[in-house]
Amino acid sequence: MKKTINTVRTSIMLFLSAAFAIGSCKKENGPVSPEIPTDTTLKVSSLSSTSLHYGDTIVINGSNFSTTPANNTVTINGVTATVVSAASTQLKVVVPAVGNTTGEVKVIAGSKTASGGNINYAPDVFVAGGQYNAAHNTGTLWKNGTAVTISSEESALSSICISGNDIYVAGVERINNLSLANYWKNGNKVTLGTGESIANCIAVNGNDVYAGGAEIVNGFDLPRYWKNGTGTTVSVMDPIISQTVTGNGSCTGIQINSGSVITVGSYRNSQGRFSPWECRNGNIPANTIPNNDKHCFANAVFVSGNDVYVAGSQNNPTSGLPMATIWENGNAATLTAGTASVGVATAVFAAGNDVYVAGYEQEDYYGGGSQFAKYWKNGVVVKLSNVSSAATGITVFGNDVYVSGWENNGTHLVAKYWKNGVPVNVGNATFNSTGSAISVR
C-alpha cells in the first residue's frame, strides 16, 4: 500500500511539473507585443500669444526642441528671433522687428522644421521732430504718440534711424547762441559740428554711424558728411565748367544699401543756381544729378536693389516755380506742374515695384493759397489734408503707408502722422509742434 501511495504521489508531481513546463512553453512561444518607437517629430503645439509687439517674449510649446538654445532657430515672417531659453517642450523667444503686420512662426532644430501658425504683429510708430514749450522748441521723439524730449535746450530733430534695439535721431541744438549738428543714440548726444552747423539725415550700418548736413566754414554753408563723428566737406564736379566746386549747399539725404553709402544734397553751381548731387561711399568730388539747369534741390534718397530714387524739386523753366520731382537713376519725373503752384518732394520710399514720395503743394501760389500735405504713389497723388499742412517723411510697413508731418489746427501747428490717409495727432495742441521724419518697427 505504501508503495502504491508513493507511486501515485510521484505521478501527480510529474504531471504537475509537465503541465507547468507545457504552460511555460506556450507563454514563451505566444504573440509578443511590439515595442512602441519614440516619437521624434518636431512639433509646435501652441503659442503663448498670437498678438505681438517688438521686444515681447513669446513662449512656444511643443516637443522635441533642442535643450540648447543656440541649436533652435526660430523665425517670425522669415526674421530670426532670439531664443533666450530652451527645454525639450518649450522655447522662450524675443520677438524681432517682424517687418509686416502678420507672419508665420517657424522652428528649426537640426534638419527638422515645424510651423507654429501665424501671428499678428502690432508695429511701433516713431515720429521725430520738435515741440515748443513755454521757452523754445525742443527736439522731441514720439513713440506711439507718447512724447520723449531728447534735448531740453533749443533744438529740433530732422531724421531718425532705428538699428536693432538702438534709436538714432539727428538734428541741431543751440547752446550759448551757437547751433551745432548732433545726433543722439538712445538719448545720448554726440556733437558733430564745431562751427555753426546742422545735421539733416542719419544712417547706421553695424557700428558705423553716418550723418549728413551743413556747416558754416569761412562764411560758406558747406555740405558736410560725417562718419563716426569725422566730417568731410562734399565738393562737387560742376559739369558746366568741368571743375570741382566747393561752396554753398547741404547734404540732405543718406542711405546704406548692400554696404554702399549713398548721400545726396545740393550745391550752388558756377552759374549761381543750386543743383543736386550724389556721392557714393564718401568719394569726392560728388557727381551732379542730371537736372534742367534751373534751381534744383535734392532732399532725400532711397536705394532699392540697383535703383536710386532721389526726391526734391526743380524750378519750372517758364514760371520759375518749384515742381515736386523724383529722380530714378538720374531720370527726372515731375509730380506737380509748377505753372501756378509750388511743389516740393521731401521724402521717398520704395517697396517692391511701388515708389512713394511725400511732400506738399501750394496749389494756388498766385492767389496766396495754403500748402497741403500730399504723397504720390507711382505718380498718383493722395491729398492728406485740406488745411495748411506738410508731409515730411514716408515709410511703408506691410500694406500700410505712414506719412509724418504737421497740420495747422487754426491756432497752432500740430505734429502728426497719417496711416493710410487717416490722421493721428502726436503733438501737444497747446504749443506748436512739427513732425520731420517717421520710422515704423
Protein backbone atom coordinates (compact mmCIF):
# COMPACT_ATOMS: atom_id res chain seq x y z
CA MET A 1 0.00 0.00 0.00
CA LYS A 2 2.76 2.42 0.87
CA LYS A 3 4.37 1.70 -2.44
CA THR A 4 1.17 2.40 -4.29
CA ILE A 5 0.58 5.70 -2.46
CA ASN A 6 4.15 6.85 -3.16
CA THR A 7 3.78 5.87 -6.80
CA VAL A 8 0.58 7.97 -7.06
CA ARG A 9 2.22 11.00 -5.43
CA THR A 10 5.16 10.71 -7.78
CA SER A 11 2.84 10.54 -10.78
CA ILE A 12 0.90 13.60 -9.66
CA MET A 13 4.07 15.60 -9.18
CA LEU A 14 5.37 14.53 -12.58
CA PHE A 15 2.06 15.56 -14.15
CA LEU A 16 2.11 18.98 -12.46
CA SER A 17 5.71 19.56 -13.48
CA ALA A 18 4.90 18.62 -17.06
CA ALA A 19 1.84 20.83 -17.07
CA PHE A 20 3.81 23.78 -15.74
CA ALA A 21 6.52 23.14 -18.31
CA ILE A 22 3.96 22.97 -21.13
CA GLY A 23 2.28 26.16 -19.90
CA SER A 24 5.59 27.94 -19.72
CA CYS A 25 6.49 26.89 -23.22
CA LYS A 26 3.17 28.14 -24.58
CA LYS A 27 3.70 31.58 -22.90
CA GLU A 28 7.20 31.95 -24.30
CA ASN A 29 6.23 30.96 -27.82
CA GLY A 30 2.99 33.05 -27.94
CA PRO A 31 2.44 36.53 -29.57
CA VAL A 32 4.76 39.33 -28.31
CA SER A 33 3.55 42.99 -28.17
CA PRO A 34 5.74 45.22 -30.47
CA GLU A 35 7.89 47.89 -28.81
CA ILE A 36 6.40 51.39 -29.43
CA PRO A 37 9.07 53.67 -31.08
CA THR A 38 9.86 57.08 -29.56
CA ASP A 39 8.20 59.97 -31.39
CA THR A 40 11.00 62.32 -32.53
CA THR A 41 8.80 64.58 -34.66
CA LEU A 42 9.45 68.29 -34.16
CA LYS A 43 6.11 69.85 -33.24
CA VAL A 44 4.68 73.20 -32.15
CA SER A 45 1.51 72.70 -30.15
CA SER A 46 0.73 76.27 -29.04
CA LEU A 47 1.98 79.86 -28.69
CA SER A 48 1.58 81.90 -25.53
CA SER A 49 0.19 84.77 -27.64
CA THR A 50 -0.59 85.48 -31.27
CA SER A 51 -0.71 89.29 -30.83
CA LEU A 52 2.84 90.58 -30.52
CA HIS A 53 4.98 93.71 -30.36
CA TYR A 54 8.70 94.19 -30.89
CA GLY A 55 10.63 93.00 -27.83
CA ASP A 56 7.83 90.83 -26.41
CA THR A 57 8.75 87.37 -25.09
CA ILE A 58 6.72 84.59 -26.68
CA VAL A 59 6.56 81.05 -25.29
CA ILE A 60 6.46 78.28 -27.88
CA ASN A 61 5.15 74.95 -26.58
CA GLY A 62 5.75 71.72 -28.42
CA SER A 63 8.00 68.68 -28.49
CA ASN A 64 11.50 67.60 -29.47
CA PHE A 65 13.10 71.01 -29.28
CA SER A 66 16.82 71.10 -28.61
CA THR A 67 17.60 71.87 -24.97
CA THR A 68 20.48 74.06 -26.20
CA PRO A 69 19.03 77.46 -27.16
CA ALA A 70 21.52 78.05 -29.97
CA ASN A 71 20.53 74.78 -31.65
CA ASN A 72 16.98 76.05 -32.22
CA THR A 73 16.32 78.59 -34.96
CA VAL A 74 13.04 80.47 -34.65
CA THR A 75 11.83 82.83 -37.36
CA ILE A 76 8.78 85.08 -37.49
CA ASN A 77 7.88 86.18 -41.00
CA GLY A 78 11.33 84.93 -42.01
CA VAL A 79 13.11 87.17 -39.48
CA THR A 80 15.31 85.33 -36.98
CA ALA A 81 14.27 85.75 -33.35
CA THR A 82 16.47 85.38 -30.26
CA VAL A 83 15.93 82.16 -28.29
CA VAL A 84 16.59 83.02 -24.65
CA SER A 85 15.85 79.62 -23.07
CA ALA A 86 15.11 76.12 -24.29
CA ALA A 87 13.65 72.88 -22.99
CA SER A 88 12.55 69.87 -25.00
CA THR A 89 8.92 71.01 -24.78
CA GLN A 90 9.23 74.79 -24.55
CA LEU A 91 11.14 77.70 -26.08
CA LYS A 92 11.17 81.30 -24.91
CA VAL A 93 11.83 83.77 -27.71
CA VAL A 94 12.19 87.56 -28.01
CA VAL A 95 10.14 88.98 -30.87
CA PRO A 96 12.26 90.78 -33.53
CA ALA A 97 11.20 93.56 -35.88
CA VAL A 98 8.90 91.41 -38.00
CA GLY A 99 8.56 93.82 -40.92
CA ASN A 100 4.89 93.06 -41.53
CA THR A 101 1.59 93.04 -39.69
CA THR A 102 1.40 89.23 -39.93
CA GLY A 103 3.96 86.47 -40.05
CA GLU A 104 4.42 82.74 -39.69
CA VAL A 105 6.28 81.31 -36.71
CA LYS A 106 8.73 78.52 -37.62
CA VAL A 107 11.04 76.42 -35.50
CA ILE A 108 14.07 74.65 -36.99
CA ALA A 109 16.04 72.10 -34.99
CA GLY A 110 18.66 70.19 -36.93
CA SER A 111 17.13 69.10 -40.23
CA LYS A 112 13.56 69.35 -38.97
CA THR A 113 11.12 72.26 -39.32
CA ALA A 114 7.80 72.86 -37.59
CA SER A 115 5.24 75.61 -38.14
CA GLY A 116 3.52 77.38 -35.28
CA GLY A 117 1.00 79.20 -37.44
CA ASN A 118 0.62 82.93 -37.98
CA ILE A 119 0.79 85.81 -35.53
CA ASN A 120 -0.48 89.38 -35.66
CA TYR A 121 2.27 91.97 -35.21
CA ALA A 122 1.50 95.49 -33.95
CA PRO A 123 4.33 97.83 -35.02
CA ASP A 124 5.67 100.79 -33.10
CA VAL A 125 5.43 104.17 -34.85
CA PHE A 126 8.21 106.72 -34.22
CA VAL A 127 7.99 110.36 -35.27
CA ALA A 128 10.96 112.72 -34.84
CA GLY A 129 10.56 116.49 -34.80
CA GLY A 130 10.19 119.36 -32.42
CA GLN A 131 7.73 120.73 -29.90
CA TYR A 132 7.64 124.13 -28.25
CA ASN A 133 7.44 124.60 -24.53
CA ALA A 134 6.95 127.94 -22.83
CA ALA A 135 10.51 129.00 -23.72
CA HIS A 136 11.62 127.44 -27.02
CA ASN A 137 11.44 124.50 -29.38
CA THR A 138 12.77 121.19 -28.06
CA GLY A 139 13.89 118.15 -30.03
CA THR A 140 11.17 115.56 -29.49
CA LEU A 141 10.65 111.91 -30.37
CA TRP A 142 7.17 110.41 -30.24
CA LYS A 143 6.71 106.66 -29.85
CA ASN A 144 3.13 105.59 -30.49
CA GLY A 145 2.06 109.13 -29.64
CA THR A 146 3.99 109.42 -26.36
CA ALA A 147 6.50 112.28 -26.39
CA VAL A 148 10.09 111.95 -25.21
CA THR A 149 12.14 115.16 -25.02
CA ILE A 150 15.56 114.39 -26.50
CA SER A 151 17.02 117.79 -25.65
CA SER A 152 15.68 120.37 -23.25
CA GLU A 153 17.82 123.03 -24.97
CA GLU A 154 16.59 124.92 -28.01
CA SER A 155 16.70 122.12 -30.57
CA ALA A 156 14.95 120.21 -33.33
CA LEU A 157 15.18 116.72 -34.81
CA SER A 158 15.26 116.19 -38.57
CA SER A 159 15.87 112.48 -39.09
CA ILE A 160 15.55 109.07 -37.44
CA CYS A 161 17.19 105.68 -37.95
CA ILE A 162 16.39 102.51 -35.99
CA SER A 163 19.00 99.76 -35.82
CA GLY A 164 18.05 96.76 -33.70
CA ASN A 165 17.31 98.00 -30.19
CA ASP A 166 19.00 101.35 -30.82
CA ILE A 167 17.24 104.54 -31.87
CA TYR A 168 19.28 107.27 -33.56
CA VAL A 169 17.98 110.77 -34.25
CA ALA A 170 19.80 113.65 -35.89
CA GLY A 171 19.25 117.38 -35.72
CA VAL A 172 20.50 120.59 -34.23
CA GLU A 173 20.91 122.01 -30.73
CA ARG A 174 21.53 125.64 -29.84
CA ILE A 175 23.56 126.45 -26.72
CA ASN A 176 25.10 129.84 -25.91
CA ASN A 177 23.90 131.20 -29.26
CA LEU A 178 25.76 128.51 -31.21
CA SER A 179 23.80 125.93 -33.19
CA LEU A 180 25.62 122.63 -33.66
CA ALA A 181 24.89 119.47 -35.60
CA ASN A 182 24.27 116.50 -33.31
CA TYR A 183 22.93 113.00 -33.25
CA TRP A 184 21.54 111.15 -30.27
CA LYS A 185 21.80 107.40 -29.73
CA ASN A 186 19.15 106.29 -27.27
CA GLY A 187 19.12 109.83 -25.92
CA ASN A 188 22.90 110.18 -25.59
CA LYS A 189 24.28 113.12 -27.57
CA VAL A 190 27.20 113.10 -29.99
CA THR A 191 28.21 116.53 -31.32
CA LEU A 192 29.31 116.61 -34.95
CA GLY A 193 29.91 120.23 -35.91
CA THR A 194 32.49 122.61 -34.49
CA GLY A 195 31.10 125.71 -36.20
CA GLU A 196 27.50 126.73 -36.83
CA SER A 197 26.03 123.53 -38.28
CA ILE A 198 23.04 121.23 -38.68
CA ALA A 199 22.51 117.51 -39.23
CA ASN A 200 19.74 116.71 -41.72
CA CYS A 201 19.96 112.95 -42.10
CA ILE A 202 21.35 109.82 -40.45
CA ALA A 203 22.00 106.18 -41.29
CA VAL A 204 23.62 103.30 -39.40
CA ASN A 205 25.49 100.24 -40.63
CA GLY A 206 26.72 97.96 -37.87
CA ASN A 207 28.96 100.08 -35.64
CA ASP A 208 29.28 102.88 -38.18
CA VAL A 209 27.12 105.99 -37.88
CA TYR A 210 26.75 108.28 -40.90
CA ALA A 211 25.21 111.73 -40.83
CA GLY A 212 24.78 114.46 -43.40
CA GLY A 213 24.18 118.17 -43.05
CA ALA A 214 25.90 121.52 -43.42
CA GLU A 215 28.47 123.59 -41.56
CA ILE A 216 29.47 127.21 -41.95
CA VAL A 217 33.18 127.50 -42.76
CA ASN A 218 34.67 130.86 -43.73
CA GLY A 219 31.20 132.22 -44.34
CA PHE A 220 30.03 129.40 -46.62
CA ASP A 221 27.35 126.78 -45.91
CA LEU A 222 29.38 123.73 -46.86
CA PRO A 223 27.74 120.34 -47.44
CA ARG A 224 29.12 118.03 -44.74
CA TYR A 225 29.25 114.27 -44.36
CA TRP A 226 30.23 112.70 -41.03
CA LYS A 227 31.30 109.09 -40.44
CA ASN A 228 31.60 108.20 -36.76
CA GLY A 229 31.97 111.90 -35.98
CA THR A 230 34.67 112.68 -38.54
CA GLY A 231 33.47 115.30 -41.01
CA THR A 232 34.23 115.67 -44.71
CA THR A 233 33.23 118.57 -46.93
CA VAL A 234 31.42 117.41 -50.07
CA SER A 235 32.84 119.03 -53.19
CA VAL A 236 31.05 118.54 -56.49
CA MET A 237 32.24 118.13 -60.06
CA ASP A 238 30.44 121.00 -61.80
CA PRO A 239 29.69 119.81 -65.35
CA ILE A 240 29.19 123.38 -66.59
CA ILE A 241 32.86 124.24 -66.15
CA SER A 242 34.26 120.70 -65.69
CA GLN A 243 35.81 121.72 -62.39
CA THR A 244 35.38 120.80 -58.76
CA VAL A 245 33.23 123.28 -56.87
CA THR A 246 33.09 123.72 -53.10
CA GLY A 247 30.52 126.16 -51.86
CA ASN A 248 27.07 126.83 -50.51
CA GLY A 249 24.91 123.76 -50.07
CA SER A 250 23.89 120.96 -47.77
CA CYS A 251 23.77 117.18 -47.50
CA THR A 252 20.09 116.29 -47.11
CA GLY A 253 19.74 112.54 -47.64
CA ILE A 254 21.68 109.39 -46.79
CA GLN A 255 21.09 105.66 -47.11
CA ILE A 256 23.12 102.47 -46.88
CA ASN A 257 22.44 99.64 -49.31
CA SER A 258 24.47 96.45 -49.63
CA GLY A 259 27.42 98.10 -47.94
CA SER A 260 27.35 101.20 -50.15
CA VAL A 261 26.71 104.61 -48.60
CA ILE A 262 24.79 106.97 -50.86
CA THR A 263 24.39 110.63 -49.89
CA VAL A 264 22.61 113.40 -51.77
CA GLY A 265 22.31 117.14 -51.43
CA SER A 266 22.56 120.42 -53.28
CA TYR A 267 25.27 122.96 -54.08
CA ARG A 268 25.41 126.37 -55.75
CA ASN A 269 26.96 125.83 -59.17
CA SER A 270 29.19 128.13 -61.20
CA GLN A 271 26.12 129.84 -62.66
CA GLY A 272 24.77 130.73 -59.24
CA ARG A 273 21.97 128.14 -59.38
CA PHE A 274 21.51 125.26 -56.98
CA SER A 275 21.98 121.78 -58.44
CA PRO A 276 21.52 118.31 -56.89
CA TRP A 277 24.44 115.97 -56.31
CA GLU A 278 25.01 112.33 -55.37
CA CYS A 279 28.03 110.95 -53.55
CA ARG A 280 28.88 107.23 -53.15
CA ASN A 281 30.96 105.85 -50.30
CA GLY A 282 32.38 109.28 -49.48
CA ASN A 283 34.19 109.61 -52.80
CA ILE A 284 34.87 113.27 -53.52
CA PRO A 285 34.08 115.05 -55.77
CA ALA A 286 30.45 114.06 -55.96
CA ASN A 287 28.63 113.89 -59.27
CA THR A 288 25.80 116.20 -60.27
CA ILE A 289 22.40 114.58 -60.74
CA PRO A 290 21.05 115.45 -64.23
CA ASN A 291 18.74 118.47 -63.98
CA ASN A 292 17.08 121.15 -66.07
CA ASP A 293 19.73 123.78 -65.26
CA LYS A 294 17.30 125.75 -63.09
CA HIS A 295 17.23 125.82 -59.31
CA CYS A 296 17.08 122.13 -58.34
CA PHE A 297 17.28 120.61 -54.86
CA ALA A 298 17.73 117.03 -53.67
CA ASN A 299 16.01 116.46 -50.32
CA ALA A 300 16.05 112.68 -49.76
CA VAL A 301 17.31 109.41 -51.19
CA PHE A 302 16.17 105.78 -51.14
CA VAL A 303 18.01 102.85 -52.67
CA SER A 304 16.27 99.62 -53.67
CA GLY A 305 18.43 97.00 -55.36
CA ASN A 306 20.20 98.75 -58.22
CA ASP A 307 17.74 101.64 -58.32
CA VAL A 308 18.45 105.02 -56.70
CA TYR A 309 15.49 107.33 -56.06
CA VAL A 310 16.05 110.98 -55.17
CA ALA A 311 13.22 113.27 -54.08
CA GLY A 312 13.36 117.04 -54.31
CA SER A 313 12.29 119.89 -56.53
CA GLN A 314 13.28 121.73 -59.70
CA ASN A 315 12.04 125.05 -60.97
CA ASN A 316 9.68 125.21 -63.91
CA PRO A 317 11.71 126.72 -66.81
CA THR A 318 8.87 129.09 -67.72
CA SER A 319 7.24 130.14 -64.45
CA GLY A 320 10.27 129.65 -62.22
CA LEU A 321 8.05 127.91 -59.63
CA PRO A 322 9.33 124.77 -57.90
CA MET A 323 7.92 121.42 -59.04
CA ALA A 324 7.98 118.35 -56.79
CA THR A 325 10.33 115.95 -58.56
CA ILE A 326 11.53 112.36 -58.28
CA TRP A 327 14.72 111.20 -59.99
CA GLU A 328 15.02 107.48 -60.73
CA ASN A 329 18.60 106.64 -61.62
CA GLY A 330 19.06 110.23 -62.77
CA ASN A 331 15.85 110.42 -64.83
CA ALA A 332 13.55 113.16 -63.59
CA ALA A 333 9.77 112.92 -63.34
CA THR A 334 7.80 115.91 -62.10
CA LEU A 335 4.88 115.36 -59.71
CA THR A 336 3.49 118.91 -59.80
CA ALA A 337 3.17 121.23 -62.78
CA GLY A 338 4.69 124.42 -61.43
CA THR A 339 2.51 126.61 -63.66
CA ALA A 340 0.50 128.12 -60.83
CA SER A 341 1.58 126.00 -57.88
CA VAL A 342 4.65 125.36 -55.75
CA GLY A 343 5.51 121.74 -55.06
CA VAL A 344 8.29 120.14 -53.03
CA ALA A 345 9.11 116.46 -52.51
CA THR A 346 10.59 115.85 -49.06
CA ALA A 347 10.94 112.07 -48.72
CA VAL A 348 10.90 108.87 -50.78
CA PHE A 349 10.39 105.16 -50.10
CA ALA A 350 10.31 102.17 -52.45
CA ALA A 351 8.52 98.89 -51.73
CA GLY A 352 8.56 96.22 -54.41
CA ASN A 353 7.60 97.89 -57.68
CA ASP A 354 5.96 100.84 -55.96
CA VAL A 355 7.61 104.21 -55.31
CA TYR A 356 6.13 106.53 -52.68
CA VAL A 357 7.03 110.22 -52.42
CA ALA A 358 5.95 112.60 -49.65
CA GLY A 359 5.80 116.36 -49.86
CA TYR A 360 3.48 119.31 -50.16
CA GLU A 361 1.97 121.59 -52.76
CA GLN A 362 0.76 125.16 -52.58
CA GLU A 363 -1.95 124.70 -55.16
CA ASP A 364 -2.77 128.40 -55.71
CA TYR A 365 0.54 130.18 -55.46
CA TYR A 366 -0.55 133.40 -57.15
CA GLY A 367 -3.70 133.58 -55.04
CA GLY A 368 -1.74 133.08 -51.82
CA GLY A 369 -3.43 129.75 -51.03
CA SER A 370 -2.33 127.28 -48.37
CA GLN A 371 0.07 124.43 -48.92
CA PHE A 372 -1.25 120.90 -48.42
CA ALA A 373 0.38 117.66 -47.28
CA LYS A 374 0.41 115.05 -50.05
CA TYR A 375 2.04 111.84 -51.11
CA TRP A 376 2.35 110.24 -54.50
CA LYS A 377 2.29 106.51 -55.22
CA ASN A 378 3.81 105.82 -58.61
CA GLY A 379 2.99 109.39 -59.54
CA VAL A 380 -0.66 109.28 -58.43
CA VAL A 381 -1.38 111.92 -55.80
CA VAL A 382 -3.08 111.36 -52.43
CA LYS A 383 -4.07 114.57 -50.67
CA LEU A 384 -3.75 114.14 -46.90
CA SER A 385 -5.22 117.40 -45.61
CA ASN A 386 -7.46 120.26 -46.66
CA VAL A 387 -5.88 122.78 -44.28
CA SER A 388 -2.38 124.25 -44.19
CA SER A 389 -0.04 121.27 -43.74
CA ALA A 390 3.05 119.46 -44.97
CA ALA A 391 4.27 115.89 -45.32
CA THR A 392 7.90 115.41 -44.32
CA GLY A 393 8.61 111.66 -44.18
CA ILE A 394 7.19 108.42 -45.55
CA THR A 395 7.56 104.69 -45.00
CA VAL A 396 5.63 101.54 -45.87
CA PHE A 397 5.06 98.72 -43.39
CA GLY A 398 3.29 95.68 -44.80
CA ASN A 399 0.39 97.12 -46.76
CA ASP A 400 0.23 100.32 -44.70
CA VAL A 401 1.55 103.73 -45.74
CA TYR A 402 2.77 106.02 -42.94
CA VAL A 403 3.50 109.71 -43.54
CA SER A 404 4.85 112.21 -40.99
CA GLY A 405 4.27 115.93 -40.98
CA TRP A 406 2.23 118.68 -39.43
CA GLU A 407 -1.11 120.37 -39.79
CA ASN A 408 -2.40 123.80 -38.77
CA ASN A 409 -5.41 123.42 -36.45
CA GLY A 410 -6.29 127.10 -36.76
CA THR A 411 -4.24 128.12 -33.73
CA HIS A 412 -1.08 126.02 -33.73
CA LEU A 413 0.92 123.67 -35.88
CA VAL A 414 0.42 120.11 -34.64
CA ALA A 415 2.87 117.26 -35.29
CA LYS A 416 1.14 114.19 -36.67
CA TYR A 417 1.31 111.19 -38.91
CA TRP A 418 -1.14 109.73 -41.36
CA LYS A 419 -1.70 105.98 -41.63
CA ASN A 420 -3.29 105.15 -44.97
CA GLY A 421 -4.54 108.72 -45.09
CA VAL A 422 -6.06 108.71 -41.59
CA PRO A 423 -4.51 111.45 -39.37
CA VAL A 424 -3.10 110.71 -35.91
CA ASN A 425 -2.07 113.71 -33.78
CA VAL A 426 1.09 113.26 -31.71
CA GLY A 427 1.99 116.86 -30.85
CA ASN A 428 0.60 118.89 -27.97
CA ALA A 429 -2.04 121.26 -29.35
CA THR A 430 -1.16 123.84 -26.68
CA PHE A 431 2.12 124.76 -28.37
CA ASN A 432 3.45 124.50 -31.92
CA SER A 433 4.95 121.17 -32.90
CA THR A 434 6.14 119.57 -36.14
CA GLY A 435 6.97 116.07 -37.27
CA SER A 436 10.04 115.84 -39.51
CA ALA A 437 10.62 112.13 -40.06
CA ILE A 438 8.97 108.77 -39.41
CA SER A 439 10.06 105.18 -38.86
CA VAL A 440 7.99 102.09 -38.12
CA ARG A 441 9.37 98.99 -36.36
